[in-house]
């Protein structure tokens, strides 16, 4: 009689463990998130106007949003020196569901 009770208890434990494991697997698939693309940036918090050039040939790069570590970060305007003669700064833009960062052309 003890063996039957022991078997029943063992079967109950195995059934409980199977139920517990299957419940965790089922709930894990429930919380899968998919993100396609990058959300558009928020409007700028402030308007920056260029001040006097700090050196000849300096190019004003207007304030813009950049995608950093999974979120949009505002970068204030600043002067930069072009990497080569005749280079032109192309501002960052968001067009047709895609984000194009600013770059030198």
PDB file of N, CA and C in Angstrom:
ATOM      1  N   UNK A   1       0.808  -1.180   0.000  1.00  0.00           N
ATOM      2  CA  UNK A   1       0.000   0.000   0.000  1.00  0.00           C
ATOM      3  C   UNK A   1       0.863   1.259   0.000  1.00  0.00           C
ATOM      4  N   UNK A   2       2.002   1.211   0.676  1.00  0.00           N
ATOM      5  CA  UNK A   2       2.887   2.357   0.694  1.00  0.00           C
ATOM      6  C   UNK A   2       3.459   2.616  -0.694  1.00  0.00           C
ATOM      7  N   UNK A   3       3.724   1.582  -1.460  1.00  0.00           N
ATOM      8  CA  UNK A   3       4.296   1.742  -2.792  1.00  0.00           C
ATOM      9  C   UNK A   3       3.293   2.431  -3.708  1.00  0.00           C
ATOM     10  N   UNK A   4       2.022   2.093  -3.613  1.00  0.00           N
ATOM     11  CA  UNK A   4       0.995   2.711  -4.439  1.00  0.00           C
ATOM     12  C   UNK A   4       0.867   4.191  -4.104  1.00  0.00           C
ATOM     13  N   UNK A   5       0.886   4.531  -2.839  1.00  0.00           N
ATOM     14  CA  UNK A   5       0.804   5.929  -2.414  1.00  0.00           C
ATOM     15  C   UNK A   5       2.031   6.694  -2.885  1.00  0.00           C
ATOM     16  N   UNK A   6       3.188   6.081  -2.797  1.00  0.00           N
ATOM     17  CA  UNK A   6       4.426   6.695  -3.236  1.00  0.00           C
ATOM     18  C   UNK A   6       4.408   6.946  -4.744  1.00  0.00           C
ATOM     19  N   UNK A   7       3.901   5.950  -5.500  1.00  0.00           N
ATOM     20  CA  UNK A   7       3.793   6.118  -6.951  1.00  0.00           C
ATOM     21  C   UNK A   7       2.822   7.249  -7.305  1.00  0.00           C
ATOM     22  N   UNK A   8       1.713   7.297  -6.615  1.00  0.00           N
ATOM     23  CA  UNK A   8       0.719   8.340  -6.874  1.00  0.00           C
ATOM     24  C   UNK A   8       1.302   9.722  -6.581  1.00  0.00           C
ATOM     25  N   UNK A   9       2.053   9.822  -5.482  1.00  0.00           N
ATOM     26  CA  UNK A   9       2.677  11.103  -5.132  1.00  0.00           C
ATOM     27  C   UNK A   9       3.727  11.488  -6.173  1.00  0.00           C
ATOM     28  N   UNK A  10       4.525  10.515  -6.629  1.00  0.00           N
ATOM     29  CA  UNK A  10       5.544  10.784  -7.642  1.00  0.00           C
ATOM     30  C   UNK A  10       4.891  11.226  -8.952  1.00  0.00           C
ATOM     31  N   UNK A  11       3.821  10.546  -9.355  1.00  0.00           N
ATOM     32  CA  UNK A  11       3.108  10.921 -10.577  1.00  0.00           C
ATOM     33  C   UNK A  11       2.504  12.322 -10.455  1.00  0.00           C
ATOM     34  N   UNK A  12       1.986  12.637  -9.282  1.00  0.00           N
ATOM     35  CA  UNK A  12       1.414  13.968  -9.057  1.00  0.00           C
ATOM     36  C   UNK A  12       2.495  15.037  -9.172  1.00  0.00           C
ATOM     37  N   UNK A  13       3.681  14.762  -8.627  1.00  0.00           N
ATOM     38  CA  UNK A  13       4.793  15.712  -8.717  1.00  0.00           C
ATOM     39  C   UNK A  13       5.245  15.894 -10.158  1.00  0.00           C
ATOM     40  N   UNK A  14       5.353  14.801 -10.896  1.00  0.00           N
ATOM     41  CA  UNK A  14       5.758  14.876 -12.304  1.00  0.00           C
ATOM     42  C   UNK A  14       4.718  15.659 -13.110  1.00  0.00           C
ATOM     43  N   UNK A  15       3.437  15.401 -12.869  1.00  0.00           N
ATOM     44  CA  UNK A  15       2.377  16.115 -13.572  1.00  0.00           C
ATOM     45  C   UNK A  15       2.421  17.608 -13.249  1.00  0.00           C
ATOM     46  N   UNK A  16       2.682  17.947 -11.994  1.00  0.00           N
ATOM     47  CA  UNK A  16       2.781  19.346 -11.578  1.00  0.00           C
ATOM     48  C   UNK A  16       3.957  20.032 -12.260  1.00  0.00           C
ATOM     49  N   UNK A  17       5.105  19.353 -12.321  1.00  0.00           N
ATOM     50  CA  UNK A  17       6.285  19.925 -12.969  1.00  0.00           C
ATOM     51  C   UNK A  17       6.061  20.136 -14.463  1.00  0.00           C
ATOM     52  N   UNK A  18       5.411  19.190 -15.107  1.00  0.00           N
ATOM     53  CA  UNK A  18       5.111  19.327 -16.535  1.00  0.00           C
ATOM     54  C   UNK A  18       4.184  20.514 -16.759  1.00  0.00           C
ATOM     55  N   UNK A  19       3.193  20.653 -15.922  1.00  0.00           N
ATOM     56  CA  UNK A  19       2.266  21.767 -16.008  1.00  0.00           C
ATOM     57  C   UNK A  19       2.985  23.096 -15.784  1.00  0.00           C
ATOM     58  N   UNK A  20       3.875  23.124 -14.816  1.00  0.00           N
ATOM     59  CA  UNK A  20       4.624  24.332 -14.490  1.00  0.00           C
ATOM     60  C   UNK A  20       5.531  24.732 -15.646  1.00  0.00           C
ATOM     61  N   UNK A  21       6.242  23.784 -16.218  1.00  0.00           N
ATOM     62  CA  UNK A  21       7.156  24.071 -17.323  1.00  0.00           C
ATOM     63  C   UNK A  21       6.386  24.498 -18.560  1.00  0.00           C
ATOM     64  N   UNK A  22       5.301  23.829 -18.876  1.00  0.00           N
ATOM     65  CA  UNK A  22       4.533  24.180 -20.077  1.00  0.00           C
ATOM     66  C   UNK A  22       3.872  25.543 -19.921  1.00  0.00           C
ATOM     67  N   UNK A  23       3.480  25.920 -18.718  1.00  0.00           N
ATOM     68  CA  UNK A  23       2.860  27.226 -18.497  1.00  0.00           C
ATOM     69  C   UNK A  23       3.883  28.338 -18.715  1.00  0.00           C
ATOM     70  N   UNK A  24       5.128  28.151 -18.297  1.00  0.00           N
ATOM     71  CA  UNK A  24       6.158  29.166 -18.501  1.00  0.00           C
ATOM     72  C   UNK A  24       6.488  29.304 -19.977  1.00  0.00           C
ATOM     73  N   UNK A  25       6.526  28.211 -20.706  1.00  0.00           N
ATOM     74  CA  UNK A  25       6.822  28.284 -22.127  1.00  0.00           C
ATOM     75  C   UNK A  25       5.707  29.006 -22.872  1.00  0.00           C
ATOM     76  N   UNK A  26       4.482  28.762 -22.498  1.00  0.00           N
ATOM     77  CA  UNK A  26       3.355  29.394 -23.178  1.00  0.00           C
ATOM     78  C   UNK A  26       3.329  30.886 -22.904  1.00  0.00           C
ATOM     79  N   UNK A  27       3.627  31.295 -21.686  1.00  0.00           N
ATOM     80  CA  UNK A  27       3.579  32.717 -21.370  1.00  0.00           C
ATOM     81  C   UNK A  27       4.773  33.462 -21.930  1.00  0.00           C
ATOM     82  N   UNK A  28       5.898  32.800 -22.175  1.00  0.00           N
ATOM     83  CA  UNK A  28       7.064  33.472 -22.727  1.00  0.00           C
ATOM     84  C   UNK A  28       6.790  33.961 -24.136  1.00  0.00           C
ATOM     85  N   UNK A  29       6.039  33.224 -24.914  1.00  0.00           N
ATOM     86  CA  UNK A  29       5.742  33.613 -26.287  1.00  0.00           C
ATOM     87  C   UNK A  29       4.751  34.770 -26.338  1.00  0.00           C
ATOM     88  N   UNK A  30       4.059  35.028 -25.260  1.00  0.00           N
ATOM     89  CA  UNK A  30       3.061  36.086 -25.223  1.00  0.00           C
ATOM     90  C   UNK A  30       3.694  37.470 -25.260  1.00  0.00           C
ATOM     91  N   UNK A  31       4.887  37.619 -24.719  1.00  0.00           N
ATOM     92  CA  UNK A  31       5.507  38.927 -24.565  1.00  0.00           C
ATOM     93  C   UNK A  31       6.593  39.212 -25.595  1.00  0.00           C
ATOM     94  N   UNK A  32       6.442  38.725 -26.794  1.00  0.00           N
ATOM     95  CA  UNK A  32       7.416  38.989 -27.848  1.00  0.00           C
ATOM     96  C   UNK A  32       7.013  40.279 -28.545  1.00  0.00           C
ATOM     97  N   UNK A  33       7.941  41.252 -28.630  1.00  0.00           N
ATOM     98  CA  UNK A  33       7.663  42.515 -29.294  1.00  0.00           C
ATOM     99  C   UNK A  33       8.574  42.690 -30.492  1.00  0.00           C
ATOM    100  N   UNK A  34       8.026  43.240 -31.553  1.00  0.00           N
ATOM    101  CA  UNK A  34       8.799  43.474 -32.759  1.00  0.00           C
ATOM    102  C   UNK A  34       8.689  44.951 -33.101  1.00  0.00           C
ATOM    103  N   UNK A  35       9.844  45.583 -33.336  1.00  0.00           N
ATOM    104  CA  UNK A  35       9.855  46.980 -33.726  1.00  0.00           C
ATOM    105  C   UNK A  35      10.531  47.085 -35.080  1.00  0.00           C
ATOM    106  N   UNK A  36       9.826  47.656 -36.025  1.00  0.00           N
ATOM    107  CA  UNK A  36      10.376  47.837 -37.361  1.00  0.00           C
ATOM    108  C   UNK A  36      10.550  49.325 -37.593  1.00  0.00           C
ATOM    109  N   UNK A  37      11.741  49.720 -37.913  1.00  0.00           N
ATOM    110  CA  UNK A  37      12.025  51.136 -38.147  1.00  0.00           C
ATOM    111  C   UNK A  37      12.278  51.874 -36.854  1.00  0.00           C
ATOM    112  N   UNK A  38      12.358  53.160 -36.968  1.00  0.00           N
ATOM    113  CA  UNK A  38      12.663  54.026 -35.829  1.00  0.00           C
ATOM    114  C   UNK A  38      11.557  55.058 -35.733  1.00  0.00           C
ATOM    115  N   UNK A  39      11.054  55.326 -34.534  1.00  0.00           N
ATOM    116  CA  UNK A  39       9.991  56.318 -34.416  1.00  0.00           C
ATOM    117  C   UNK A  39      10.507  57.708 -34.780  1.00  0.00           C
ATOM    118  N   UNK A  40       9.638  58.579 -35.277  1.00  0.00           N
ATOM    119  CA  UNK A  40      10.090  59.917 -35.651  1.00  0.00           C
ATOM    120  C   UNK A  40      10.509  60.719 -34.422  1.00  0.00           C
ATOM    121  N   UNK A  41      11.443  61.641 -34.600  1.00  0.00           N
ATOM    122  CA  UNK A  41      11.892  62.430 -33.457  1.00  0.00           C
ATOM    123  C   UNK A  41      10.832  63.416 -32.994  1.00  0.00           C
ATOM    124  N   UNK A  42      10.927  63.778 -31.750  1.00  0.00           N
ATOM    125  CA  UNK A  42      10.029  64.792 -31.198  1.00  0.00           C
ATOM    126  C   UNK A  42      10.454  66.148 -31.754  1.00  0.00           C
ATOM    127  N   UNK A  43       9.564  67.149 -31.751  1.00  0.00           N
ATOM    128  CA  UNK A  43       9.965  68.466 -32.233  1.00  0.00           C
ATOM    129  C   UNK A  43      11.045  69.061 -31.328  1.00  0.00           C
ATOM    130  N   UNK A  44      11.911  69.888 -31.883  1.00  0.00           N
ATOM    131  CA  UNK A  44      12.996  70.475 -31.081  1.00  0.00           C
ATOM    132  C   UNK A  44      12.455  71.255 -29.891  1.00  0.00           C
ATOM    133  N   UNK A  45      13.163  71.169 -28.785  1.00  0.00           N
ATOM    134  CA  UNK A  45      12.744  71.860 -27.572  1.00  0.00           C
ATOM    135  C   UNK A  45      13.074  73.346 -27.639  1.00  0.00           C
ATOM    136  N   UNK A  46      14.120  73.706 -28.367  1.00  0.00           N
ATOM    137  CA  UNK A  46      14.540  75.106 -28.444  1.00  0.00           C
ATOM    138  C   UNK A  46      15.084  75.389 -29.835  1.00  0.00           C
ATOM    139  N   UNK A  47      15.087  76.671 -30.203  1.00  0.00           N
ATOM    140  CA  UNK A  47      15.632  77.078 -31.487  1.00  0.00           C
ATOM    141  C   UNK A  47      16.992  77.714 -31.234  1.00  0.00           C
ATOM    142  N   UNK A  48      18.018  77.217 -31.922  1.00  0.00           N
ATOM    143  CA  UNK A  48      19.365  77.754 -31.760  1.00  0.00           C
ATOM    144  C   UNK A  48      19.742  78.548 -32.996  1.00  0.00           C
ATOM    145  N   UNK A  49      20.294  79.725 -32.785  1.00  0.00           N
ATOM    146  CA  UNK A  49      20.753  80.559 -33.900  1.00  0.00           C
ATOM    147  C   UNK A  49      22.279  80.581 -33.872  1.00  0.00           C
ATOM    148  N   UNK A  50      22.891  80.497 -35.052  1.00  0.00           N
ATOM    149  CA  UNK A  50      24.348  80.507 -35.060  1.00  0.00           C
ATOM    150  C   UNK A  50      24.906  81.837 -34.573  1.00  0.00           C
ATOM    151  N   UNK A  51      25.997  81.776 -33.875  1.00  0.00           N
ATOM    152  CA  UNK A  51      26.695  82.972 -33.428  1.00  0.00           C
ATOM    153  C   UNK A  51      27.851  83.208 -34.397  1.00  0.00           C
ATOM    154  N   UNK A  52      28.690  84.180 -34.135  1.00  0.00           N
ATOM    155  CA  UNK A  52      29.797  84.515 -35.038  1.00  0.00           C
ATOM    156  C   UNK A  52      30.727  83.312 -35.225  1.00  0.00           C
ATOM    157  N   UNK A  53      31.251  83.148 -36.416  1.00  0.00           N
ATOM    158  CA  UNK A  53      32.149  82.027 -36.707  1.00  0.00           C
ATOM    159  C   UNK A  53      33.397  82.105 -35.833  1.00  0.00           C
ATOM    160  N   UNK A  54      33.768  80.996 -35.213  1.00  0.00           N
ATOM    161  CA  UNK A  54      34.958  81.017 -34.354  1.00  0.00           C
ATOM    162  C   UNK A  54      36.259  81.019 -35.164  1.00  0.00           C
ATOM    163  N   UNK A  55      36.221  80.572 -36.428  1.00  0.00           N
ATOM    164  CA  UNK A  55      37.400  80.551 -37.290  1.00  0.00           C
ATOM    165  C   UNK A  55      36.943  80.531 -38.746  1.00  0.00           C
ATOM    166  N   UNK A  56      37.774  80.978 -39.677  1.00  0.00           N
ATOM    167  CA  UNK A  56      37.391  80.992 -41.088  1.00  0.00           C
ATOM    168  C   UNK A  56      37.120  79.575 -41.588  1.00  0.00           C
ATOM    169  N   UNK A  57      36.101  79.430 -42.408  1.00  0.00           N
ATOM    170  CA  UNK A  57      35.762  78.127 -42.974  1.00  0.00           C
ATOM    171  C   UNK A  57      34.876  77.271 -42.097  1.00  0.00           C
ATOM    172  N   UNK A  58      34.524  77.755 -40.900  1.00  0.00           N
ATOM    173  CA  UNK A  58      33.666  76.981 -39.996  1.00  0.00           C
ATOM    174  C   UNK A  58      32.264  76.898 -40.590  1.00  0.00           C
ATOM    175  N   UNK A  59      31.642  75.745 -40.434  1.00  0.00           N
ATOM    176  CA  UNK A  59      30.286  75.509 -40.957  1.00  0.00           C
ATOM    177  C   UNK A  59      29.346  75.266 -39.783  1.00  0.00           C
ATOM    178  N   UNK A  60      28.205  75.972 -39.797  1.00  0.00           N
ATOM    179  CA  UNK A  60      27.205  75.805 -38.735  1.00  0.00           C
ATOM    180  C   UNK A  60      26.400  74.537 -38.986  1.00  0.00           C
ATOM    181  N   UNK A  61      26.356  73.666 -37.983  1.00  0.00           N
ATOM    182  CA  UNK A  61      25.534  72.454 -38.040  1.00  0.00           C
ATOM    183  C   UNK A  61      24.388  72.679 -37.056  1.00  0.00           C
ATOM    184  N   UNK A  62      23.188  72.790 -37.607  1.00  0.00           N
ATOM    185  CA  UNK A  62      22.017  73.117 -36.794  1.00  0.00           C
ATOM    186  C   UNK A  62      21.706  72.000 -35.796  1.00  0.00           C
ATOM    187  N   UNK A  63      21.021  72.363 -34.717  1.00  0.00           N
ATOM    188  CA  UNK A  63      20.604  71.376 -33.721  1.00  0.00           C
ATOM    189  C   UNK A  63      19.705  70.319 -34.356  1.00  0.00           C
ATOM    190  N   UNK A  64      19.827  69.103 -33.878  1.00  0.00           N
ATOM    191  CA  UNK A  64      19.076  67.992 -34.471  1.00  0.00           C
ATOM    192  C   UNK A  64      18.956  66.852 -33.458  1.00  0.00           C
ATOM    193  N   UNK A  65      18.084  65.908 -33.779  1.00  0.00           N
ATOM    194  CA  UNK A  65      17.927  64.709 -32.961  1.00  0.00           C
ATOM    195  C   UNK A  65      18.834  63.615 -33.500  1.00  0.00           C
ATOM    196  N   UNK A  66      19.402  62.809 -32.605  1.00  0.00           N
ATOM    197  CA  UNK A  66      20.186  61.634 -32.987  1.00  0.00           C
ATOM    198  C   UNK A  66      19.657  60.431 -32.225  1.00  0.00           C
ATOM    199  N   UNK A  67      19.685  59.265 -32.862  1.00  0.00           N
ATOM    200  CA  UNK A  67      19.220  58.019 -32.256  1.00  0.00           C
ATOM    201  C   UNK A  67      20.381  57.426 -31.474  1.00  0.00           C
ATOM    202  N   UNK A  68      20.289  57.449 -30.126  1.00  0.00           N
ATOM    203  CA  UNK A  68      21.364  56.981 -29.258  1.00  0.00           C
ATOM    204  C   UNK A  68      20.787  56.005 -28.229  1.00  0.00           C
ATOM    205  N   UNK A  69      21.301  54.776 -28.220  1.00  0.00           N
ATOM    206  CA  UNK A  69      20.896  53.758 -27.233  1.00  0.00           C
ATOM    207  C   UNK A  69      19.381  53.578 -27.151  1.00  0.00           C
ATOM    208  N   UNK A  70      18.735  53.519 -28.290  1.00  0.00           N
ATOM    209  CA  UNK A  70      17.313  53.220 -28.308  1.00  0.00           C
ATOM    210  C   UNK A  70      16.387  54.378 -28.025  1.00  0.00           C
ATOM    211  N   UNK A  71      16.887  55.612 -28.081  1.00  0.00           N
ATOM    212  CA  UNK A  71      16.007  56.767 -27.863  1.00  0.00           C
ATOM    213  C   UNK A  71      16.561  57.978 -28.596  1.00  0.00           C
ATOM    214  N   UNK A  72      15.701  58.959 -28.841  1.00  0.00           N
ATOM    215  CA  UNK A  72      16.112  60.187 -29.502  1.00  0.00           C
ATOM    216  C   UNK A  72      16.746  61.131 -28.498  1.00  0.00           C
ATOM    217  N   UNK A  73      17.872  61.727 -28.867  1.00  0.00           N
ATOM    218  CA  UNK A  73      18.592  62.677 -28.024  1.00  0.00           C
ATOM    219  C   UNK A  73      18.796  63.958 -28.820  1.00  0.00           C
ATOM    220  N   UNK A  74      18.507  65.107 -28.205  1.00  0.00           N
ATOM    221  CA  UNK A  74      18.690  66.390 -28.871  1.00  0.00           C
ATOM    222  C   UNK A  74      20.147  66.821 -28.777  1.00  0.00           C
ATOM    223  N   UNK A  75      20.729  67.186 -29.922  1.00  0.00           N
ATOM    224  CA  UNK A  75      22.099  67.689 -29.983  1.00  0.00           C
ATOM    225  C   UNK A  75      21.998  69.137 -30.444  1.00  0.00           C
ATOM    226  N   UNK A  76      22.474  70.054 -29.606  1.00  0.00           N
ATOM    227  CA  UNK A  76      22.404  71.470 -29.937  1.00  0.00           C
ATOM    228  C   UNK A  76      23.312  71.822 -31.109  1.00  0.00           C
ATOM    229  N   UNK A  77      23.033  72.962 -31.760  1.00  0.00           N
ATOM    230  CA  UNK A  77      23.820  73.396 -32.905  1.00  0.00           C
ATOM    231  C   UNK A  77      25.257  73.710 -32.510  1.00  0.00           C
ATOM    232  N   UNK A  78      26.165  73.581 -33.480  1.00  0.00           N
ATOM    233  CA  UNK A  78      27.591  73.836 -33.232  1.00  0.00           C
ATOM    234  C   UNK A  78      28.304  74.098 -34.555  1.00  0.00           C
ATOM    235  N   UNK A  79      29.496  74.690 -34.445  1.00  0.00           N
ATOM    236  CA  UNK A  79      30.342  74.895 -35.619  1.00  0.00           C
ATOM    237  C   UNK A  79      31.291  73.722 -35.767  1.00  0.00           C
ATOM    238  N   UNK A  80      31.562  73.355 -37.024  1.00  0.00           N
ATOM    239  CA  UNK A  80      32.497  72.268 -37.298  1.00  0.00           C
ATOM    240  C   UNK A  80      33.364  72.659 -38.497  1.00  0.00           C
ATOM    241  N   UNK A  81      34.524  72.070 -38.566  1.00  0.00           N
ATOM    242  CA  UNK A  81      35.416  72.300 -39.684  1.00  0.00           C
ATOM    243  C   UNK A  81      35.176  71.204 -40.716  1.00  0.00           C
ATOM    244  N   UNK A  82      34.936  71.547 -41.980  1.00  0.00           N
ATOM    245  CA  UNK A  82      34.683  70.521 -42.998  1.00  0.00           C
ATOM    246  C   UNK A  82      35.869  69.557 -43.136  1.00  0.00           C
ATOM    247  N   UNK A  83      35.610  68.294 -43.405  1.00  0.00           N
ATOM    248  CA  UNK A  83      36.699  67.320 -43.503  1.00  0.00           C
ATOM    249  C   UNK A  83      37.571  67.511 -44.746  1.00  0.00           C
ATOM    250  N   UNK A  84      37.050  68.196 -45.769  1.00  0.00           N
ATOM    251  CA  UNK A  84      37.821  68.461 -46.989  1.00  0.00           C
ATOM    252  C   UNK A  84      37.300  69.750 -47.623  1.00  0.00           C
ATOM    253  N   UNK A  85      38.077  70.320 -48.484  1.00  0.00           N
ATOM    254  CA  UNK A  85      37.712  71.578 -49.144  1.00  0.00           C
ATOM    255  C   UNK A  85      36.468  71.354 -50.025  1.00  0.00           C
ATOM    256  N   UNK A  86      35.504  72.249 -49.920  1.00  0.00           N
ATOM    257  CA  UNK A  86      34.294  72.168 -50.722  1.00  0.00           C
ATOM    258  C   UNK A  86      33.215  71.245 -50.166  1.00  0.00           C
ATOM    259  N   UNK A  87      33.458  70.636 -49.013  1.00  0.00           N
ATOM    260  CA  UNK A  87      32.455  69.746 -48.422  1.00  0.00           C
ATOM    261  C   UNK A  87      31.257  70.556 -47.940  1.00  0.00           C
ATOM    262  N   UNK A  88      30.067  69.976 -48.072  1.00  0.00           N
ATOM    263  CA  UNK A  88      28.821  70.625 -47.670  1.00  0.00           C
ATOM    264  C   UNK A  88      28.115  69.740 -46.646  1.00  0.00           C
ATOM    265  N   UNK A  89      27.588  70.345 -45.584  1.00  0.00           N
ATOM    266  CA  UNK A  89      26.853  69.591 -44.565  1.00  0.00           C
ATOM    267  C   UNK A  89      25.419  69.385 -45.019  1.00  0.00           C
ATOM    268  N   UNK A  90      24.967  68.139 -45.017  1.00  0.00           N
ATOM    269  CA  UNK A  90      23.580  67.789 -45.335  1.00  0.00           C
ATOM    270  C   UNK A  90      22.899  67.457 -44.015  1.00  0.00           C
ATOM    271  N   UNK A  91      21.871  68.227 -43.663  1.00  0.00           N
ATOM    272  CA  UNK A  91      21.202  68.045 -42.364  1.00  0.00           C
ATOM    273  C   UNK A  91      20.480  66.712 -42.268  1.00  0.00           C
ATOM    274  N   UNK A  92      20.310  66.245 -41.038  1.00  0.00           N
ATOM    275  CA  UNK A  92      19.560  65.005 -40.796  1.00  0.00           C
ATOM    276  C   UNK A  92      18.104  65.224 -41.194  1.00  0.00           C
ATOM    277  N   UNK A  93      17.464  64.131 -41.640  1.00  0.00           N
ATOM    278  CA  UNK A  93      16.061  64.245 -42.021  1.00  0.00           C
ATOM    279  C   UNK A  93      15.357  62.919 -41.798  1.00  0.00           C
ATOM    280  N   UNK A  94      14.047  62.992 -41.724  1.00  0.00           N
ATOM    281  CA  UNK A  94      13.185  61.832 -41.574  1.00  0.00           C
ATOM    282  C   UNK A  94      12.224  61.866 -42.743  1.00  0.00           C
ATOM    283  N   UNK A  95      12.324  60.850 -43.624  1.00  0.00           N
ATOM    284  CA  UNK A  95      11.520  60.881 -44.840  1.00  0.00           C
ATOM    285  C   UNK A  95      11.054  59.473 -45.207  1.00  0.00           C
ATOM    286  N   UNK A  96       9.785  59.332 -45.467  1.00  0.00           N
ATOM    287  CA  UNK A  96       9.237  58.058 -45.925  1.00  0.00           C
ATOM    288  C   UNK A  96       9.420  56.912 -44.944  1.00  0.00           C
ATOM    289  N   UNK A  97       9.394  57.207 -43.665  1.00  0.00           N
ATOM    290  CA  UNK A  97       9.536  56.159 -42.654  1.00  0.00           C
ATOM    291  C   UNK A  97      10.972  55.792 -42.339  1.00  0.00           C
ATOM    292  N   UNK A  98      11.929  56.505 -42.910  1.00  0.00           N
ATOM    293  CA  UNK A  98      13.340  56.221 -42.649  1.00  0.00           C
ATOM    294  C   UNK A  98      14.038  57.459 -42.107  1.00  0.00           C
ATOM    295  N   UNK A  99      15.004  57.257 -41.240  1.00  0.00           N
ATOM    296  CA  UNK A  99      15.805  58.341 -40.680  1.00  0.00           C
ATOM    297  C   UNK A  99      17.143  58.386 -41.398  1.00  0.00           C
ATOM    298  N   UNK A 100      17.489  59.556 -41.908  1.00  0.00           N
ATOM    299  CA  UNK A 100      18.767  59.768 -42.583  1.00  0.00           C
ATOM    300  C   UNK A 100      19.594  60.731 -41.731  1.00  0.00           C
ATOM    301  N   UNK A 101      20.677  60.266 -41.100  1.00  0.00           N
ATOM    302  CA  UNK A 101      21.484  61.148 -40.256  1.00  0.00           C
ATOM    303  C   UNK A 101      22.226  62.194 -41.093  1.00  0.00           C
ATOM    304  N   UNK A 102      22.603  63.287 -40.441  1.00  0.00           N
ATOM    305  CA  UNK A 102      23.365  64.328 -41.118  1.00  0.00           C
ATOM    306  C   UNK A 102      24.748  63.799 -41.515  1.00  0.00           C
ATOM    307  N   UNK A 103      25.281  64.342 -42.609  1.00  0.00           N
ATOM    308  CA  UNK A 103      26.586  63.889 -43.088  1.00  0.00           C
ATOM    309  C   UNK A 103      27.222  64.945 -43.993  1.00  0.00           C
ATOM    310  N   UNK A 104      28.512  64.802 -44.214  1.00  0.00           N
ATOM    311  CA  UNK A 104      29.233  65.672 -45.131  1.00  0.00           C
ATOM    312  C   UNK A 104      29.141  65.112 -46.532  1.00  0.00           C
ATOM    313  N   UNK A 105      28.894  65.984 -47.512  1.00  0.00           N
ATOM    314  CA  UNK A 105      28.863  65.552 -48.919  1.00  0.00           C
ATOM    315  C   UNK A 105      29.901  66.324 -49.674  1.00  0.00           C
TER     316      UNK A 105
END
